[in-house]
Structures are given as structure tokens and as C-alpha cells.
Amino acid sequence: MSSENVEVIRQGFEVYAATGEQVWENYAADVVVRDLQSPDQAEYLGHEGLRQWIEDWSTAWDDWQIELEDLLDAGDAVLALIHHSGRGHASGISMDSHDGMLFRFRDGKVVVLEYLTGRDRALAAAGLSG
């Protein structure tokens, strides 16, 4: 099943890059999004929460881009290693980081999405470090 999960995430990134839309059927209705970049982030719940998280990110940045660099099989999860860049909409501060998005699966659907700052942190969260 894990190679199928990797393909689900690969397809999702391809569709998002081409259209700016998610493949909603890849996500459980009760998906939980945890942005672990900052300690004060709340959880985002369900499809509407995922939409809100994406909107929160995209409206905070000018020239915001996300590039998939690698996908790693982590058992019942897939770790997407990404390159994230942009310029703060209000601050003008540049962001250029290599981070991770950990997609946890149940019954073929993403049930938890965690955004983790830094590759080492992301690899550790996926149980792939060391």
C-alpha cells in the first residue's frame, strides 16, 4: 500500500502545480492539518480547514512557490521534502527553506498532514533519520 500512497501524494503535487487545486478525494473528510512551523499554530480540521491553511499561507506571501524535491515512503505515511520560497506580503522578508510535509494515511486517505520546518525535523518525525 505504501507505494500507492507515494503515488497519491505525487499526483496531488502535480495537480496542485498545474491547477492550484487539491485532489480532495485523497483526503479524509476529517483530515487534520498541523502546521508545526510555529508553536502557536492551531490545528486545521477537515477539507475546509485544509483550504483555510493553504489560503493562510498563500496570502501571507508574494511570489510564494512550493517545489517537490523528493517523496519518501514512511510506512503508513509519506514524507514530501519540499523547497519553499516567497517574500512576505507585509514585511517584504524573503523566505527560502527546505522543509517537509508528512502525510499520514488510513484506508488509502490522508488523515493527518503535518508541515515541519527543516529536513532533519521532518525526517525525524517520519522515523527516517539516523
C-alpha atoms as a PDB file:
ATOM      1  CA  MET A   1       0.000   0.000   0.000  1.00  0.00           C
ATOM      2  CA  SER A   2       2.854   2.448   0.718  1.00  0.00           C
ATOM      3  CA  SER A   3       3.919   2.759  -2.946  1.00  0.00           C
ATOM      4  CA  GLU A   4       0.289   3.601  -3.724  1.00  0.00           C
ATOM      5  CA  ASN A   5       0.375   6.280  -1.019  1.00  0.00           C
ATOM      6  CA  VAL A   6       3.531   7.758  -2.564  1.00  0.00           C
ATOM      7  CA  GLU A   7       1.745   7.950  -5.918  1.00  0.00           C
ATOM      8  CA  VAL A   8      -1.286   9.624  -4.325  1.00  0.00           C
ATOM      9  CA  ILE A   9       0.972  12.375  -2.972  1.00  0.00           C
ATOM     10  CA  ARG A  10       2.951  12.679  -6.227  1.00  0.00           C
ATOM     11  CA  GLN A  11      -0.278  13.088  -8.181  1.00  0.00           C
ATOM     12  CA  GLY A  12      -1.521  15.644  -5.662  1.00  0.00           C
ATOM     13  CA  PHE A  13       1.595  17.788  -6.065  1.00  0.00           C
ATOM     14  CA  GLU A  14       1.342  17.553  -9.865  1.00  0.00           C
ATOM     15  CA  VAL A  15      -2.314  18.602  -9.864  1.00  0.00           C
ATOM     16  CA  TYR A  16      -1.630  21.440  -7.413  1.00  0.00           C
ATOM     17  CA  ALA A  17       1.297  22.720  -9.524  1.00  0.00           C
ATOM     18  CA  ALA A  18      -0.835  22.662 -12.676  1.00  0.00           C
ATOM     19  CA  THR A  19      -4.142  23.981 -11.295  1.00  0.00           C
ATOM     20  CA  GLY A  20      -3.677  25.348  -7.767  1.00  0.00           C
ATOM     21  CA  GLU A  21      -6.304  22.846  -6.582  1.00  0.00           C
ATOM     22  CA  GLN A  22      -6.141  19.853  -4.282  1.00  0.00           C
ATOM     23  CA  VAL A  23      -7.262  16.349  -5.201  1.00  0.00           C
ATOM     24  CA  TRP A  24      -9.905  16.385  -2.491  1.00  0.00           C
ATOM     25  CA  GLU A  25     -10.745  12.694  -2.722  1.00  0.00           C
ATOM     26  CA  ASN A  26      -7.203  11.976  -1.464  1.00  0.00           C
ATOM     27  CA  TYR A  27      -8.114  13.464   1.924  1.00  0.00           C
ATOM     28  CA  ALA A  28     -10.397  12.014   4.584  1.00  0.00           C
ATOM     29  CA  ALA A  29     -13.335  14.277   5.406  1.00  0.00           C
ATOM     30  CA  ASP A  30     -11.914  14.679   8.919  1.00  0.00           C
ATOM     31  CA  VAL A  31      -8.293  15.351   7.885  1.00  0.00           C
ATOM     32  CA  VAL A  32      -6.234  17.237  10.469  1.00  0.00           C
ATOM     33  CA  VAL A  33      -3.599  19.756   9.361  1.00  0.00           C
ATOM     34  CA  ARG A  34      -0.887  20.677  11.837  1.00  0.00           C
ATOM     35  CA  ASP A  35       1.460  23.465  10.862  1.00  0.00           C
ATOM     36  CA  LEU A  36       4.355  22.807  13.208  1.00  0.00           C
ATOM     37  CA  GLN A  37       6.420  25.688  11.883  1.00  0.00           C
ATOM     38  CA  SER A  38       5.388  27.929  14.745  1.00  0.00           C
ATOM     39  CA  PRO A  39       4.336  26.889  18.245  1.00  0.00           C
ATOM     40  CA  ASP A  40       1.154  28.983  18.294  1.00  0.00           C
ATOM     41  CA  GLN A  41      -0.496  27.420  15.239  1.00  0.00           C
ATOM     42  CA  ALA A  42      -3.881  25.833  15.764  1.00  0.00           C
ATOM     43  CA  GLU A  43      -4.982  22.663  14.049  1.00  0.00           C
ATOM     44  CA  TYR A  44      -6.977  22.971  10.863  1.00  0.00           C
ATOM     45  CA  LEU A  45      -9.813  20.442  10.611  1.00  0.00           C
ATOM     46  CA  GLY A  46     -11.479  18.836   7.600  1.00  0.00           C
ATOM     47  CA  HIS A  47     -11.459  19.895   3.968  1.00  0.00           C
ATOM     48  CA  GLU A  48     -12.432  23.441   4.944  1.00  0.00           C
ATOM     49  CA  GLY A  49      -9.526  23.544   7.368  1.00  0.00           C
ATOM     50  CA  LEU A  50      -7.118  22.397   4.660  1.00  0.00           C
ATOM     51  CA  ARG A  51      -8.463  25.123   2.356  1.00  0.00           C
ATOM     52  CA  GLN A  52      -8.008  27.701   5.113  1.00  0.00           C
ATOM     53  CA  TRP A  53      -4.444  26.582   5.841  1.00  0.00           C
ATOM     54  CA  ILE A  54      -3.496  26.916   2.161  1.00  0.00           C
ATOM     55  CA  GLU A  55      -5.180  30.323   1.987  1.00  0.00           C
ATOM     56  CA  ASP A  56      -3.431  31.488   5.156  1.00  0.00           C
ATOM     57  CA  TRP A  57      -0.061  30.511   3.680  1.00  0.00           C
ATOM     58  CA  SER A  58      -0.613  31.836   0.194  1.00  0.00           C
ATOM     59  CA  THR A  59      -2.000  35.225   1.260  1.00  0.00           C
ATOM     60  CA  ALA A  60       0.910  35.830   3.655  1.00  0.00           C
ATOM     61  CA  TRP A  61       3.461  35.630   0.823  1.00  0.00           C
ATOM     62  CA  ASP A  62       4.152  37.284  -2.515  1.00  0.00           C
ATOM     63  CA  ASP A  63       5.760  35.082  -5.164  1.00  0.00           C
ATOM     64  CA  TRP A  64       5.044  32.032  -2.989  1.00  0.00           C
ATOM     65  CA  GLN A  65       6.277  28.786  -4.516  1.00  0.00           C
ATOM     66  CA  ILE A  66       6.475  25.204  -3.371  1.00  0.00           C
ATOM     67  CA  GLU A  67       8.578  22.671  -5.242  1.00  0.00           C
ATOM     68  CA  LEU A  68       8.528  18.946  -4.552  1.00  0.00           C
ATOM     69  CA  GLU A  69      12.085  17.658  -4.230  1.00  0.00           C
ATOM     70  CA  ASP A  70      11.561  14.076  -3.070  1.00  0.00           C
ATOM     71  CA  LEU A  71       8.950  11.654  -1.748  1.00  0.00           C
ATOM     72  CA  LEU A  72       9.909   9.093   0.881  1.00  0.00           C
ATOM     73  CA  ASP A  73       7.901   6.055   1.918  1.00  0.00           C
ATOM     74  CA  ALA A  74       7.455   6.030   5.695  1.00  0.00           C
ATOM     75  CA  GLY A  75       5.170   3.016   6.154  1.00  0.00           C
ATOM     76  CA  ASP A  76       1.651   4.368   6.709  1.00  0.00           C
ATOM     77  CA  ALA A  77       2.935   7.837   5.871  1.00  0.00           C
ATOM     78  CA  VAL A  78       4.651   9.660   3.033  1.00  0.00           C
ATOM     79  CA  LEU A  79       7.213  12.387   3.617  1.00  0.00           C
ATOM     80  CA  ALA A  80       7.362  15.057   0.932  1.00  0.00           C
ATOM     81  CA  LEU A  81      10.613  17.003   1.023  1.00  0.00           C
ATOM     82  CA  ILE A  82       9.948  20.435  -0.399  1.00  0.00           C
ATOM     83  CA  HIS A  83      11.652  23.689  -1.314  1.00  0.00           C
ATOM     84  CA  HIS A  84       9.547  26.606  -0.172  1.00  0.00           C
ATOM     85  CA  SER A  85      10.200  30.198  -1.206  1.00  0.00           C
ATOM     86  CA  GLY A  86       8.479  33.537  -1.185  1.00  0.00           C
ATOM     87  CA  ARG A  87       8.568  37.110   0.042  1.00  0.00           C
ATOM     88  CA  GLY A  88       6.475  38.266   2.978  1.00  0.00           C
ATOM     89  CA  HIS A  89       3.442  40.207   1.761  1.00  0.00           C
ATOM     90  CA  ALA A  90       3.548  42.764   4.565  1.00  0.00           C
ATOM     91  CA  SER A  91       7.192  42.511   5.660  1.00  0.00           C
ATOM     92  CA  GLY A  92       8.988  42.000   2.341  1.00  0.00           C
ATOM     93  CA  ILE A  93      11.233  39.463   4.100  1.00  0.00           C
ATOM     94  CA  SER A  94      12.429  36.636   1.859  1.00  0.00           C
ATOM     95  CA  MET A  95      11.836  33.022   2.788  1.00  0.00           C
ATOM     96  CA  ASP A  96      13.823  30.189   1.245  1.00  0.00           C
ATOM     97  CA  SER A  97      13.626  26.891   3.105  1.00  0.00           C
ATOM     98  CA  HIS A  98      13.833  23.164   2.651  1.00  0.00           C
ATOM     99  CA  ASP A  99      11.072  21.608   4.731  1.00  0.00           C
ATOM    100  CA  GLY A 100       8.859  18.553   4.946  1.00  0.00           C
ATOM    101  CA  MET A 101       5.207  17.707   4.711  1.00  0.00           C
ATOM    102  CA  LEU A 102       4.299  14.442   6.417  1.00  0.00           C
ATOM    103  CA  PHE A 103       1.106  12.842   5.095  1.00  0.00           C
ATOM    104  CA  ARG A 104      -0.287  10.118   7.369  1.00  0.00           C
ATOM    105  CA  PHE A 105      -2.698   7.644   5.770  1.00  0.00           C
ATOM    106  CA  ARG A 106      -5.575   5.477   6.909  1.00  0.00           C
ATOM    107  CA  ASP A 107      -7.608   3.364   4.491  1.00  0.00           C
ATOM    108  CA  GLY A 108      -5.976   4.989   1.453  1.00  0.00           C
ATOM    109  CA  LYS A 109      -6.746   8.580   2.502  1.00  0.00           C
ATOM    110  CA  VAL A 110      -4.662  11.300   4.146  1.00  0.00           C
ATOM    111  CA  VAL A 111      -5.901  11.708   7.727  1.00  0.00           C
ATOM    112  CA  VAL A 112      -3.110  13.927   9.080  1.00  0.00           C
ATOM    113  CA  LEU A 113      -0.896  16.442   7.287  1.00  0.00           C
ATOM    114  CA  GLU A 114       1.987  17.908   9.282  1.00  0.00           C
ATOM    115  CA  TYR A 115       4.136  20.749   7.985  1.00  0.00           C
ATOM    116  CA  LEU A 116       7.612  20.596   9.526  1.00  0.00           C
ATOM    117  CA  THR A 117      10.325  23.219   9.231  1.00  0.00           C
ATOM    118  CA  GLY A 118      13.710  21.804   8.250  1.00  0.00           C
ATOM    119  CA  ARG A 119      14.638  18.489   6.712  1.00  0.00           C
ATOM    120  CA  ASP A 120      16.144  16.958   9.847  1.00  0.00           C
ATOM    121  CA  ARG A 121      12.980  17.654  11.827  1.00  0.00           C
ATOM    122  CA  ALA A 122      10.813  16.255   9.038  1.00  0.00           C
ATOM    123  CA  LEU A 123      12.913  13.095   8.670  1.00  0.00           C
ATOM    124  CA  ALA A 124      12.821  12.545  12.441  1.00  0.00           C
ATOM    125  CA  ALA A 125       9.025  12.961  12.541  1.00  0.00           C
ATOM    126  CA  ALA A 126       8.701  10.353   9.792  1.00  0.00           C
ATOM    127  CA  GLY A 127      11.026   7.949  11.613  1.00  0.00           C
ATOM    128  CA  LEU A 128      13.558   8.159   8.779  1.00  0.00           C
ATOM    129  CA  SER A 129      16.517   9.850  10.470  1.00  0.00           C
ATOM    130  CA  GLY A 130      19.637   8.364  11.883  1.00  0.00           C
END
